Amino acid sequence: MSSIRLTKCQLSVTSPNIPKSHYRLVVMGAAGVGKTAIVSQFLYDQFVSEYKETIEELHRGEYYMNGVHLTLDILDTSGAHTFPAMRKLAIDNGDAFVLVYSVENEETFQEVTSLREQILEERGENDVPIVIVANKTDVGDCHRSILPETAESLVCLDWGNGYVEASAKDNVNIVGIFKEILRQSKVRYELSPAVKRRRQSMPSSSKKWFKLSKRRTQSANT
């Protein structure tokens, strides 16, 4: 069962009648690359050390910046291939994509390559905002299976996408991931890792989330 975790993050106090923007970020990658850990560090300042297979979870972050109320729905997807319908639904309804691989496992980079191709094919466009994340940089250079120069050159020059090196374990460059995806999406931001948070959670089905996303945006502050 998927779940929704709503996190209201206020970066500055502004008028309650400011314009609203709603973006849906989809986090994808092979199993065990640290997708959930990245989301947890970004929203909750917590590192999830115990691996637990994710089916699908939706997290919400709300920010007030530059006179705009920005709502980020962050969908943490399964790394398994047993949910093709859910993956297709996520691709069809996502505004931007964070594709994560582990620097110590070359096969996970190949999975990112495949996911990117699937996204472009499914969406039928080449300018979809995509950021490739090299996670687990804390393992050290001697354990890396892909050199950072090689990955960055391929992603930035050949693919034209964003590239970020990060460590969810050490909380290194986690905010940078979301800054880059917002930049790719041409969203002006002033993100800071130090924010006040209120947390709520509630059960939901993955299919209902996409259908009700606009409704949730309108009712988030009621």
N, C-alpha and C. Protein backbone atom coordinates (compact mmCIF):
# COMPACT_ATOMS: atom_id res chain seq x y z
N MET A 1 0.85 -1.19 0.00
CA MET A 1 0.00 0.00 0.00
C MET A 1 0.89 1.24 0.00
N SER A 2 0.52 2.22 -0.79
CA SER A 2 1.26 3.47 -0.79
C SER A 2 0.73 4.37 0.31
N SER A 3 1.47 5.44 0.62
CA SER A 3 1.03 6.34 1.66
C SER A 3 1.40 7.77 1.29
N ILE A 4 0.71 8.70 1.91
CA ILE A 4 0.99 10.11 1.71
C ILE A 4 1.57 10.66 3.02
N ARG A 5 2.68 11.37 2.90
CA ARG A 5 3.24 12.04 4.06
C ARG A 5 3.33 13.52 3.71
N LEU A 6 2.50 14.31 4.34
CA LEU A 6 2.43 15.73 4.03
C LEU A 6 3.32 16.51 4.98
N THR A 7 4.23 17.28 4.44
CA THR A 7 5.14 18.08 5.24
C THR A 7 5.02 19.52 4.82
N LYS A 8 4.60 20.39 5.71
CA LYS A 8 4.46 21.81 5.40
C LYS A 8 5.74 22.51 5.83
N CYS A 9 6.49 23.06 4.86
CA CYS A 9 7.77 23.70 5.15
C CYS A 9 7.68 25.17 4.79
N GLN A 10 7.68 26.05 5.78
CA GLN A 10 7.58 27.48 5.52
C GLN A 10 8.97 28.09 5.53
N LEU A 11 9.35 28.72 4.42
CA LEU A 11 10.65 29.36 4.33
C LEU A 11 10.56 30.85 4.65
N SER A 12 9.44 31.46 4.44
CA SER A 12 9.25 32.87 4.78
C SER A 12 7.77 33.13 4.92
N VAL A 13 7.43 34.17 5.66
CA VAL A 13 6.03 34.50 5.90
C VAL A 13 5.57 35.49 4.83
N THR A 14 4.50 35.14 4.16
CA THR A 14 3.96 36.02 3.12
C THR A 14 2.46 36.06 3.22
N SER A 15 1.83 36.81 2.35
CA SER A 15 0.37 36.95 2.35
C SER A 15 -0.30 35.62 2.04
N PRO A 16 -1.41 35.29 2.68
CA PRO A 16 -2.12 34.03 2.40
C PRO A 16 -2.74 34.01 1.02
N ASN A 17 -2.80 35.14 0.34
CA ASN A 17 -3.42 35.21 -0.98
C ASN A 17 -2.41 35.21 -2.12
N ILE A 18 -1.17 34.76 -1.85
CA ILE A 18 -0.14 34.75 -2.88
C ILE A 18 -0.43 33.66 -3.90
N PRO A 19 0.12 33.80 -5.13
CA PRO A 19 -0.11 32.79 -6.17
C PRO A 19 0.41 31.42 -5.74
N LYS A 20 -0.16 30.37 -6.33
CA LYS A 20 0.24 29.00 -5.99
C LYS A 20 0.80 28.30 -7.21
N SER A 21 1.82 27.48 -6.96
CA SER A 21 2.35 26.60 -8.00
C SER A 21 2.46 25.20 -7.42
N HIS A 22 2.19 24.23 -8.24
CA HIS A 22 2.18 22.84 -7.80
C HIS A 22 3.01 22.00 -8.75
N TYR A 23 4.06 21.35 -8.21
CA TYR A 23 4.92 20.52 -9.04
C TYR A 23 5.00 19.12 -8.46
N ARG A 24 4.99 18.15 -9.36
CA ARG A 24 5.06 16.75 -8.95
C ARG A 24 6.41 16.18 -9.37
N LEU A 25 7.24 15.86 -8.38
CA LEU A 25 8.55 15.29 -8.62
C LEU A 25 8.49 13.79 -8.41
N VAL A 26 9.04 13.04 -9.33
CA VAL A 26 9.03 11.58 -9.24
C VAL A 26 10.47 11.10 -9.06
N VAL A 27 10.71 10.37 -7.98
CA VAL A 27 12.05 9.85 -7.68
C VAL A 27 12.08 8.38 -8.10
N MET A 28 13.01 8.05 -9.01
CA MET A 28 13.06 6.70 -9.57
C MET A 28 14.49 6.17 -9.56
N GLY A 29 14.63 4.86 -9.67
CA GLY A 29 15.94 4.23 -9.68
C GLY A 29 15.82 2.78 -9.24
N ALA A 30 16.90 2.05 -9.37
CA ALA A 30 16.91 0.64 -8.98
C ALA A 30 16.71 0.50 -7.47
N ALA A 31 16.37 -0.70 -7.04
CA ALA A 31 16.18 -0.97 -5.62
C ALA A 31 17.51 -0.80 -4.88
N GLY A 32 17.43 -0.17 -3.70
CA GLY A 32 18.61 -0.07 -2.84
C GLY A 32 19.58 1.05 -3.15
N VAL A 33 19.22 1.97 -4.06
CA VAL A 33 20.16 3.05 -4.40
C VAL A 33 20.05 4.25 -3.45
N GLY A 34 19.01 4.27 -2.61
CA GLY A 34 18.89 5.33 -1.63
C GLY A 34 17.84 6.38 -1.94
N LYS A 35 16.83 6.01 -2.73
CA LYS A 35 15.78 6.98 -3.08
C LYS A 35 15.04 7.47 -1.84
N THR A 36 14.61 6.53 -1.01
CA THR A 36 13.87 6.88 0.20
C THR A 36 14.75 7.67 1.16
N ALA A 37 16.02 7.30 1.26
CA ALA A 37 16.94 8.00 2.15
C ALA A 37 17.12 9.44 1.73
N ILE A 38 17.17 9.70 0.43
CA ILE A 38 17.31 11.07 -0.07
C ILE A 38 16.09 11.90 0.29
N VAL A 39 14.91 11.35 0.04
CA VAL A 39 13.67 12.06 0.35
C VAL A 39 13.57 12.32 1.85
N SER A 40 13.92 11.32 2.66
CA SER A 40 13.85 11.45 4.11
C SER A 40 14.80 12.52 4.63
N GLN A 41 16.00 12.58 4.08
CA GLN A 41 16.95 13.61 4.50
C GLN A 41 16.44 15.00 4.12
N PHE A 42 15.89 15.12 2.94
CA PHE A 42 15.44 16.42 2.46
C PHE A 42 14.27 16.96 3.28
N LEU A 43 13.29 16.12 3.53
CA LEU A 43 12.07 16.58 4.19
C LEU A 43 12.10 16.47 5.71
N TYR A 44 12.80 15.45 6.24
CA TYR A 44 12.70 15.16 7.66
C TYR A 44 14.04 15.21 8.41
N ASP A 45 15.15 15.50 7.67
CA ASP A 45 16.48 15.52 8.29
C ASP A 45 16.80 14.21 8.99
N GLN A 46 16.39 13.11 8.39
CA GLN A 46 16.63 11.79 8.97
C GLN A 46 17.21 10.85 7.91
N PHE A 47 18.18 10.04 8.32
CA PHE A 47 18.74 9.04 7.42
C PHE A 47 18.14 7.68 7.73
N VAL A 48 17.56 7.05 6.72
CA VAL A 48 16.97 5.72 6.87
C VAL A 48 18.04 4.68 6.57
N SER A 49 18.59 4.07 7.62
CA SER A 49 19.69 3.12 7.44
C SER A 49 19.20 1.71 7.11
N GLU A 50 18.03 1.36 7.61
CA GLU A 50 17.48 0.01 7.37
C GLU A 50 16.74 -0.02 6.05
N TYR A 51 17.15 -0.94 5.18
CA TYR A 51 16.52 -1.02 3.86
C TYR A 51 15.16 -1.70 3.98
N LYS A 52 14.16 -1.06 3.41
CA LYS A 52 12.82 -1.63 3.34
C LYS A 52 12.27 -1.31 1.96
N GLU A 53 11.84 -2.33 1.25
CA GLU A 53 11.37 -2.13 -0.12
C GLU A 53 10.18 -1.17 -0.14
N THR A 54 10.29 -0.16 -0.98
CA THR A 54 9.21 0.81 -1.15
C THR A 54 8.30 0.39 -2.29
N ILE A 55 7.01 0.37 -2.03
CA ILE A 55 6.06 0.15 -3.11
C ILE A 55 5.78 1.50 -3.78
N GLU A 56 5.32 2.44 -3.02
CA GLU A 56 5.13 3.80 -3.50
C GLU A 56 4.71 4.68 -2.33
N GLU A 57 5.37 5.82 -2.17
CA GLU A 57 5.02 6.75 -1.12
C GLU A 57 5.02 8.17 -1.67
N LEU A 58 4.04 8.94 -1.25
CA LEU A 58 3.95 10.33 -1.67
C LEU A 58 4.25 11.23 -0.48
N HIS A 59 5.16 12.17 -0.68
CA HIS A 59 5.52 13.15 0.34
C HIS A 59 5.19 14.53 -0.20
N ARG A 60 4.83 15.44 0.69
CA ARG A 60 4.51 16.80 0.27
C ARG A 60 5.33 17.81 1.05
N GLY A 61 5.93 18.75 0.34
CA GLY A 61 6.61 19.87 0.96
C GLY A 61 5.99 21.15 0.44
N GLU A 62 5.69 22.09 1.36
CA GLU A 62 5.09 23.36 0.96
C GLU A 62 6.02 24.50 1.36
N TYR A 63 6.28 25.39 0.40
CA TYR A 63 7.24 26.46 0.60
C TYR A 63 6.62 27.79 0.19
N TYR A 64 7.05 28.86 0.86
CA TYR A 64 6.64 30.21 0.49
C TYR A 64 7.90 30.96 0.09
N MET A 65 8.00 31.32 -1.19
CA MET A 65 9.21 31.96 -1.68
C MET A 65 8.90 32.84 -2.87
N ASN A 66 9.60 33.96 -2.93
CA ASN A 66 9.47 34.88 -4.07
C ASN A 66 8.00 35.25 -4.35
N GLY A 67 7.19 35.34 -3.30
CA GLY A 67 5.80 35.70 -3.49
C GLY A 67 4.94 34.59 -4.05
N VAL A 68 5.43 33.35 -4.02
CA VAL A 68 4.69 32.22 -4.57
C VAL A 68 4.60 31.11 -3.53
N HIS A 69 3.43 30.51 -3.45
CA HIS A 69 3.22 29.33 -2.61
C HIS A 69 3.54 28.10 -3.47
N LEU A 70 4.69 27.48 -3.23
CA LEU A 70 5.14 26.33 -4.03
C LEU A 70 4.87 25.03 -3.28
N THR A 71 4.11 24.15 -3.90
CA THR A 71 3.84 22.83 -3.35
C THR A 71 4.61 21.78 -4.15
N LEU A 72 5.43 21.01 -3.46
CA LEU A 72 6.17 19.92 -4.10
C LEU A 72 5.59 18.60 -3.64
N ASP A 73 4.99 17.85 -4.55
CA ASP A 73 4.59 16.48 -4.26
C ASP A 73 5.73 15.59 -4.75
N ILE A 74 6.35 14.86 -3.83
CA ILE A 74 7.50 14.03 -4.16
C ILE A 74 7.09 12.57 -4.06
N LEU A 75 7.07 11.89 -5.19
CA LEU A 75 6.65 10.49 -5.24
C LEU A 75 7.87 9.59 -5.22
N ASP A 76 8.01 8.81 -4.16
CA ASP A 76 9.10 7.84 -4.00
C ASP A 76 8.61 6.51 -4.55
N THR A 77 9.18 6.07 -5.67
CA THR A 77 8.66 4.90 -6.38
C THR A 77 9.42 3.62 -6.05
N SER A 78 8.85 2.52 -6.44
CA SER A 78 9.48 1.21 -6.25
C SER A 78 10.62 1.01 -7.23
N GLY A 79 11.68 0.34 -6.77
CA GLY A 79 12.79 0.02 -7.65
C GLY A 79 12.60 -1.32 -8.34
N ALA A 80 11.53 -2.02 -8.01
CA ALA A 80 11.27 -3.33 -8.60
C ALA A 80 10.58 -3.18 -9.96
N HIS A 81 10.70 -4.21 -10.78
CA HIS A 81 10.07 -4.21 -12.10
C HIS A 81 8.71 -4.88 -12.09
N THR A 82 8.20 -5.14 -10.90
CA THR A 82 6.94 -5.88 -10.79
C THR A 82 5.72 -4.96 -10.79
N PHE A 83 5.95 -3.63 -10.95
CA PHE A 83 4.84 -2.69 -10.93
C PHE A 83 4.88 -1.79 -12.16
N PRO A 84 4.82 -2.36 -13.37
CA PRO A 84 4.94 -1.55 -14.58
C PRO A 84 3.81 -0.53 -14.74
N ALA A 85 2.61 -0.88 -14.32
CA ALA A 85 1.48 0.05 -14.46
C ALA A 85 1.68 1.27 -13.57
N MET A 86 2.17 1.06 -12.35
CA MET A 86 2.42 2.16 -11.43
C MET A 86 3.53 3.06 -11.96
N ARG A 87 4.56 2.44 -12.55
CA ARG A 87 5.66 3.23 -13.10
C ARG A 87 5.17 4.08 -14.27
N LYS A 88 4.36 3.50 -15.14
CA LYS A 88 3.83 4.26 -16.27
C LYS A 88 2.97 5.42 -15.80
N LEU A 89 2.15 5.18 -14.79
CA LEU A 89 1.30 6.23 -14.23
C LEU A 89 2.14 7.36 -13.67
N ALA A 90 3.22 7.00 -12.98
CA ALA A 90 4.11 8.02 -12.40
C ALA A 90 4.76 8.86 -13.49
N ILE A 91 5.20 8.23 -14.56
CA ILE A 91 5.84 8.94 -15.66
C ILE A 91 4.84 9.86 -16.35
N ASP A 92 3.63 9.37 -16.58
CA ASP A 92 2.62 10.15 -17.28
C ASP A 92 2.23 11.41 -16.52
N ASN A 93 2.27 11.35 -15.18
CA ASN A 93 1.75 12.44 -14.37
C ASN A 93 2.81 13.27 -13.67
N GLY A 94 4.08 12.91 -13.83
CA GLY A 94 5.14 13.67 -13.19
C GLY A 94 5.50 14.93 -13.96
N ASP A 95 5.87 15.99 -13.24
CA ASP A 95 6.35 17.22 -13.87
C ASP A 95 7.86 17.20 -14.05
N ALA A 96 8.56 16.51 -13.17
CA ALA A 96 10.01 16.44 -13.22
C ALA A 96 10.45 15.14 -12.57
N PHE A 97 11.68 14.70 -12.89
CA PHE A 97 12.12 13.38 -12.47
C PHE A 97 13.53 13.43 -11.88
N VAL A 98 13.70 12.75 -10.74
CA VAL A 98 15.00 12.57 -10.12
C VAL A 98 15.35 11.09 -10.25
N LEU A 99 16.38 10.79 -11.04
CA LEU A 99 16.79 9.41 -11.29
C LEU A 99 18.07 9.13 -10.50
N VAL A 100 18.00 8.16 -9.60
CA VAL A 100 19.09 7.91 -8.64
C VAL A 100 19.81 6.60 -8.97
N TYR A 101 21.14 6.65 -8.90
CA TYR A 101 21.94 5.43 -8.99
C TYR A 101 22.99 5.43 -7.90
N SER A 102 23.55 4.26 -7.62
CA SER A 102 24.60 4.11 -6.63
C SER A 102 25.95 4.12 -7.32
N VAL A 103 26.88 4.94 -6.82
CA VAL A 103 28.19 5.07 -7.48
C VAL A 103 29.00 3.78 -7.42
N GLU A 104 28.62 2.86 -6.54
CA GLU A 104 29.38 1.62 -6.41
C GLU A 104 28.76 0.46 -7.20
N ASN A 105 27.72 0.75 -7.97
CA ASN A 105 27.04 -0.31 -8.72
C ASN A 105 26.73 0.18 -10.13
N GLU A 106 27.49 -0.27 -11.10
CA GLU A 106 27.32 0.18 -12.48
C GLU A 106 25.96 -0.21 -13.05
N GLU A 107 25.41 -1.34 -12.59
CA GLU A 107 24.11 -1.79 -13.09
C GLU A 107 23.01 -0.78 -12.76
N THR A 108 23.14 -0.09 -11.64
CA THR A 108 22.13 0.89 -11.27
C THR A 108 22.19 2.12 -12.18
N PHE A 109 23.38 2.40 -12.73
CA PHE A 109 23.48 3.49 -13.70
C PHE A 109 22.81 3.08 -15.01
N GLN A 110 22.95 1.82 -15.39
CA GLN A 110 22.27 1.32 -16.58
C GLN A 110 20.76 1.39 -16.41
N GLU A 111 20.29 1.17 -15.18
CA GLU A 111 18.86 1.29 -14.89
C GLU A 111 18.39 2.73 -15.07
N VAL A 112 19.21 3.68 -14.64
CA VAL A 112 18.91 5.09 -14.83
C VAL A 112 18.82 5.42 -16.32
N THR A 113 19.75 4.87 -17.09
CA THR A 113 19.74 5.08 -18.54
C THR A 113 18.44 4.57 -19.15
N SER A 114 18.03 3.38 -18.73
CA SER A 114 16.79 2.79 -19.23
C SER A 114 15.57 3.60 -18.81
N LEU A 115 15.55 4.07 -17.56
CA LEU A 115 14.43 4.87 -17.07
C LEU A 115 14.32 6.18 -17.84
N ARG A 116 15.45 6.81 -18.09
CA ARG A 116 15.44 8.07 -18.84
C ARG A 116 14.85 7.85 -20.24
N GLU A 117 15.27 6.79 -20.90
CA GLU A 117 14.75 6.49 -22.23
C GLU A 117 13.25 6.23 -22.19
N GLN A 118 12.81 5.54 -21.13
CA GLN A 118 11.39 5.24 -20.99
C GLN A 118 10.59 6.52 -20.77
N ILE A 119 11.12 7.43 -19.98
CA ILE A 119 10.44 8.70 -19.72
C ILE A 119 10.29 9.50 -21.00
N LEU A 120 11.38 9.63 -21.77
CA LEU A 120 11.34 10.40 -23.01
C LEU A 120 10.39 9.77 -24.02
N GLU A 121 10.40 8.44 -24.08
CA GLU A 121 9.51 7.75 -25.02
C GLU A 121 8.05 7.90 -24.60
N GLU A 122 7.80 7.75 -23.31
CA GLU A 122 6.42 7.82 -22.81
C GLU A 122 5.85 9.22 -22.95
N ARG A 123 6.69 10.23 -22.71
CA ARG A 123 6.22 11.61 -22.77
C ARG A 123 6.26 12.19 -24.18
N GLY A 124 7.05 11.60 -25.06
CA GLY A 124 7.12 12.06 -26.44
C GLY A 124 7.74 13.44 -26.58
N GLU A 125 8.63 13.80 -25.66
CA GLU A 125 9.30 15.09 -25.71
C GLU A 125 10.70 14.95 -25.13
N ASN A 126 11.60 15.87 -25.52
CA ASN A 126 12.99 15.76 -25.10
C ASN A 126 13.38 16.76 -24.03
N ASP A 127 12.48 17.67 -23.66
CA ASP A 127 12.82 18.71 -22.69
C ASP A 127 12.19 18.46 -21.33
N VAL A 128 11.96 17.21 -20.99
CA VAL A 128 11.42 16.87 -19.67
C VAL A 128 12.50 17.17 -18.62
N PRO A 129 12.18 17.89 -17.54
CA PRO A 129 13.17 18.16 -16.49
C PRO A 129 13.61 16.87 -15.81
N ILE A 130 14.89 16.54 -15.93
CA ILE A 130 15.44 15.31 -15.36
C ILE A 130 16.77 15.63 -14.69
N VAL A 131 16.96 15.13 -13.48
CA VAL A 131 18.24 15.24 -12.79
C VAL A 131 18.72 13.84 -12.42
N ILE A 132 19.97 13.55 -12.78
CA ILE A 132 20.58 12.28 -12.44
C ILE A 132 21.38 12.46 -11.16
N VAL A 133 21.14 11.59 -10.17
CA VAL A 133 21.80 11.70 -8.88
C VAL A 133 22.74 10.51 -8.66
N ALA A 134 24.02 10.83 -8.44
CA ALA A 134 25.00 9.81 -8.08
C ALA A 134 25.04 9.74 -6.56
N ASN A 135 24.35 8.79 -5.98
CA ASN A 135 24.24 8.68 -4.52
C ASN A 135 25.31 7.72 -3.97
N LYS A 136 25.52 7.81 -2.65
CA LYS A 136 26.47 6.97 -1.90
C LYS A 136 27.92 7.35 -2.21
N THR A 137 28.18 8.64 -2.42
CA THR A 137 29.56 9.08 -2.64
C THR A 137 30.41 8.90 -1.39
N ASP A 138 29.78 8.64 -0.25
CA ASP A 138 30.52 8.43 1.00
C ASP A 138 31.34 7.14 0.99
N VAL A 139 31.14 6.26 0.01
CA VAL A 139 31.90 5.00 -0.04
C VAL A 139 33.35 5.24 -0.42
N GLY A 140 33.65 6.40 -0.97
CA GLY A 140 35.03 6.70 -1.34
C GLY A 140 35.33 6.36 -2.79
N ASP A 141 36.35 7.02 -3.34
CA ASP A 141 36.69 6.84 -4.75
C ASP A 141 37.10 5.42 -5.10
N CYS A 142 37.73 4.72 -4.17
CA CYS A 142 38.23 3.37 -4.48
C CYS A 142 37.10 2.37 -4.68
N HIS A 143 35.91 2.70 -4.21
CA HIS A 143 34.77 1.77 -4.35
C HIS A 143 33.81 2.19 -5.46
N ARG A 144 34.14 3.25 -6.16
CA ARG A 144 33.26 3.73 -7.23
C ARG A 144 33.45 2.88 -8.48
N SER A 145 32.35 2.53 -9.11
CA SER A 145 32.41 1.76 -10.36
C SER A 145 32.33 2.66 -11.58
N ILE A 146 31.89 3.92 -11.37
CA ILE A 146 31.79 4.88 -12.46
C ILE A 146 32.48 6.18 -12.03
N LEU A 147 33.44 6.64 -12.81
CA LEU A 147 34.12 7.88 -12.50
C LEU A 147 33.16 9.05 -12.61
N PRO A 148 33.25 10.03 -11.70
CA PRO A 148 32.33 11.16 -11.75
C PRO A 148 32.45 11.95 -13.04
N GLU A 149 33.67 12.06 -13.57
CA GLU A 149 33.86 12.80 -14.83
C GLU A 149 33.12 12.13 -15.98
N THR A 150 33.15 10.81 -15.99
CA THR A 150 32.48 10.05 -17.06
C THR A 150 30.97 10.24 -16.99
N ALA A 151 30.42 10.09 -15.78
CA ALA A 151 28.97 10.21 -15.60
C ALA A 151 28.49 11.63 -15.89
N GLU A 152 29.21 12.61 -15.37
CA GLU A 152 28.79 14.00 -15.55
C GLU A 152 28.85 14.42 -17.01
N SER A 153 29.89 13.96 -17.72
CA SER A 153 30.01 14.30 -19.14
C SER A 153 28.86 13.72 -19.94
N LEU A 154 28.52 12.47 -19.67
CA LEU A 154 27.42 11.81 -20.38
C LEU A 154 26.10 12.51 -20.09
N VAL A 155 25.83 12.75 -18.81
CA VAL A 155 24.55 13.32 -18.40
C VAL A 155 24.38 14.76 -18.89
N CYS A 156 25.39 15.58 -18.67
CA CYS A 156 25.26 17.02 -18.96
C CYS A 156 25.47 17.34 -20.44
N LEU A 157 26.48 16.73 -21.05
CA LEU A 157 26.80 17.07 -22.43
C LEU A 157 25.99 16.27 -23.44
N ASP A 158 25.92 14.96 -23.25
CA ASP A 158 25.21 14.12 -24.21
C ASP A 158 23.70 14.14 -24.00
N TRP A 159 23.27 14.05 -22.75
CA TRP A 159 21.84 13.98 -22.47
C TRP A 159 21.22 15.36 -22.28
N GLY A 160 21.99 16.32 -21.83
CA GLY A 160 21.45 17.64 -21.56
C GLY A 160 20.62 17.72 -20.29
N ASN A 161 20.90 16.84 -19.33
CA ASN A 161 20.18 16.82 -18.06
C ASN A 161 21.06 17.31 -16.93
N GLY A 162 20.47 17.48 -15.75
CA GLY A 162 21.23 17.90 -14.58
C GLY A 162 21.92 16.72 -13.93
N TYR A 163 23.04 17.00 -13.25
CA TYR A 163 23.81 15.94 -12.59
C TYR A 163 24.23 16.43 -11.21
N VAL A 164 23.98 15.60 -10.19
CA VAL A 164 24.33 15.95 -8.82
C VAL A 164 24.96 14.75 -8.13
N GLU A 165 26.09 14.97 -7.46
CA GLU A 165 26.71 13.94 -6.63
C GLU A 165 26.27 14.18 -5.20
N ALA A 166 25.86 13.12 -4.51
CA ALA A 166 25.30 13.30 -3.17
C ALA A 166 25.55 12.07 -2.30
N SER A 167 25.35 12.28 -1.01
CA SER A 167 25.38 11.19 -0.04
C SER A 167 24.22 11.38 0.92
N ALA A 168 23.24 10.49 0.82
CA ALA A 168 22.11 10.55 1.75
C ALA A 168 22.58 10.22 3.17
N LYS A 169 23.54 9.33 3.28
CA LYS A 169 24.04 8.91 4.59
C LYS A 169 24.67 10.07 5.35
N ASP A 170 25.50 10.85 4.64
CA ASP A 170 26.20 11.98 5.28
C ASP A 170 25.48 13.31 5.07
N ASN A 171 24.31 13.26 4.44
CA ASN A 171 23.52 14.47 4.16
C ASN A 171 24.34 15.49 3.37
N VAL A 172 25.00 15.02 2.34
CA VAL A 172 25.83 15.87 1.48
C VAL A 172 25.09 16.16 0.18
N ASN A 173 24.85 17.44 -0.08
CA ASN A 173 24.27 17.93 -1.34
C ASN A 173 22.84 17.46 -1.58
N ILE A 174 22.13 17.11 -0.53
CA ILE A 174 20.74 16.65 -0.69
C ILE A 174 19.86 17.80 -1.14
N VAL A 175 20.00 18.96 -0.50
CA VAL A 175 19.22 20.13 -0.92
C VAL A 175 19.60 20.50 -2.36
N GLY A 176 20.87 20.28 -2.71
CA GLY A 176 21.33 20.57 -4.07
C GLY A 176 20.57 19.81 -5.14
N ILE A 177 20.13 18.60 -4.81
CA ILE A 177 19.35 17.80 -5.76
C ILE A 177 18.07 18.54 -6.12
N PHE A 178 17.38 19.04 -5.12
CA PHE A 178 16.08 19.67 -5.35
C PHE A 178 16.25 21.08 -5.91
N LYS A 179 17.35 21.74 -5.57
CA LYS A 179 17.64 23.01 -6.23
C LYS A 179 17.84 22.80 -7.73
N GLU A 180 18.56 21.75 -8.07
CA GLU A 180 18.84 21.49 -9.49
C GLU A 180 17.58 21.10 -10.25
N ILE A 181 16.72 20.29 -9.65
CA ILE A 181 15.50 19.90 -10.36
C ILE A 181 14.57 21.09 -10.52
N LEU A 182 14.56 22.00 -9.56
CA LEU A 182 13.77 23.21 -9.71
C LEU A 182 14.36 24.12 -10.78
N ARG A 183 15.69 24.16 -10.85
CA ARG A 183 16.33 24.95 -11.90
C ARG A 183 16.01 24.37 -13.27
N GLN A 184 16.07 23.04 -13.38
CA GLN A 184 15.71 22.39 -14.63
C GLN A 184 14.26 22.69 -15.01
N SER A 185 13.42 22.81 -13.97
CA SER A 185 11.99 23.08 -14.20
C SER A 185 11.71 24.57 -14.34
N LYS A 186 12.79 25.39 -14.29
CA LYS A 186 12.67 26.85 -14.40
C LYS A 186 11.80 27.43 -13.30
N VAL A 187 11.96 26.88 -12.08
CA VAL A 187 11.27 27.39 -10.91
C VAL A 187 12.27 28.18 -10.07
N ARG A 188 11.94 29.43 -9.78
CA ARG A 188 12.81 30.23 -8.93
C ARG A 188 12.69 29.74 -7.50
N TYR A 189 13.84 29.59 -6.82
CA TYR A 189 13.80 29.00 -5.49
C TYR A 189 14.72 29.75 -4.54
N GLU A 190 14.45 29.56 -3.26
CA GLU A 190 15.34 29.99 -2.19
C GLU A 190 15.28 28.92 -1.11
N LEU A 191 15.67 27.70 -1.48
CA LEU A 191 15.56 26.59 -0.55
C LEU A 191 16.65 26.65 0.50
N SER A 192 16.33 26.24 1.69
CA SER A 192 17.29 26.16 2.78
C SER A 192 17.05 24.86 3.52
N PRO A 193 18.11 24.18 3.98
CA PRO A 193 17.90 22.93 4.73
C PRO A 193 17.33 23.18 6.12
N ALA A 194 17.42 24.44 6.61
CA ALA A 194 16.93 24.76 7.95
C ALA A 194 15.54 25.37 7.84
N VAL A 195 14.51 24.56 7.97
CA VAL A 195 13.15 25.04 7.85
C VAL A 195 12.30 24.45 8.98
N LYS A 196 11.23 25.18 9.31
CA LYS A 196 10.29 24.67 10.30
C LYS A 196 9.30 23.73 9.62
N ARG A 197 8.96 22.64 10.29
CA ARG A 197 8.12 21.63 9.64
C ARG A 197 6.97 21.21 10.54
N ARG A 198 5.84 20.92 9.90
CA ARG A 198 4.73 20.23 10.53
C ARG A 198 4.47 18.98 9.71
N ARG A 199 4.25 17.87 10.34
CA ARG A 199 4.11 16.61 9.61
C ARG A 199 2.72 16.03 9.80
N GLN A 200 2.21 15.49 8.71
CA GLN A 200 0.94 14.76 8.75
C GLN A 200 1.10 13.52 7.88
N SER A 201 0.35 12.51 8.15
CA SER A 201 0.38 11.33 7.29
C SER A 201 -1.02 10.76 7.18
N MET A 202 -1.26 10.12 6.05
CA MET A 202 -2.56 9.52 5.84
C MET A 202 -2.42 8.48 4.74
N PRO A 203 -3.21 7.41 4.79
CA PRO A 203 -3.12 6.38 3.76
C PRO A 203 -3.76 6.84 2.47
N SER A 204 -3.29 6.27 1.36
CA SER A 204 -3.85 6.60 0.05
C SER A 204 -3.45 5.53 -0.93
N SER A 205 -4.20 5.40 -2.01
CA SER A 205 -3.80 4.52 -3.09
C SER A 205 -3.06 5.34 -4.12
N SER A 206 -2.11 4.73 -4.83
CA SER A 206 -1.30 5.45 -5.81
C SER A 206 -2.16 5.99 -6.94
N LYS A 207 -3.20 5.27 -7.32
CA LYS A 207 -4.04 5.73 -8.42
C LYS A 207 -4.82 6.98 -8.03
N LYS A 208 -5.28 7.01 -6.77
CA LYS A 208 -6.08 8.15 -6.34
C LYS A 208 -5.23 9.40 -6.25
N TRP A 209 -3.92 9.24 -5.95
CA TRP A 209 -3.08 10.42 -5.76
C TRP A 209 -3.08 11.32 -6.99
N PHE A 210 -2.86 10.75 -8.15
CA PHE A 210 -2.76 11.56 -9.35
C PHE A 210 -4.08 12.22 -9.68
N LYS A 211 -5.17 11.51 -9.44
CA LYS A 211 -6.47 12.06 -9.76
C LYS A 211 -6.86 13.19 -8.81
N LEU A 212 -6.36 13.11 -7.56
CA LEU A 212 -6.77 14.06 -6.56
C LEU A 212 -5.71 15.09 -6.24
N SER A 213 -4.59 15.10 -6.97
CA SER A 213 -3.47 15.99 -6.64
C SER A 213 -3.89 17.44 -6.65
N LYS A 214 -4.68 17.88 -7.64
CA LYS A 214 -5.11 19.26 -7.69
C LYS A 214 -6.02 19.60 -6.52
N ARG A 215 -6.88 18.63 -6.17
CA ARG A 215 -7.79 18.86 -5.06
C ARG A 215 -7.02 19.03 -3.76
N ARG A 216 -5.94 18.21 -3.57
CA ARG A 216 -5.16 18.31 -2.36
C ARG A 216 -4.43 19.66 -2.29
N THR A 217 -3.97 20.13 -3.43
CA THR A 217 -3.28 21.42 -3.45
C THR A 217 -4.20 22.53 -2.98
N GLN A 218 -5.44 22.50 -3.42
CA GLN A 218 -6.39 23.54 -3.05
C GLN A 218 -6.79 23.46 -1.60
N SER A 219 -6.78 22.24 -1.02
CA SER A 219 -7.26 22.08 0.35
C SER A 219 -6.14 21.96 1.36
N ALA A 220 -4.90 22.10 0.96
CA ALA A 220 -3.77 21.86 1.85
C ALA A 220 -3.77 22.81 3.03
N ASN A 221 -4.26 24.04 2.83
CA ASN A 221 -4.19 25.04 3.90
C ASN A 221 -5.53 25.23 4.60
N THR A 222 -6.51 24.36 4.33
CA THR A 222 -7.82 24.51 4.96
C THR A 222 -7.86 23.77 6.29
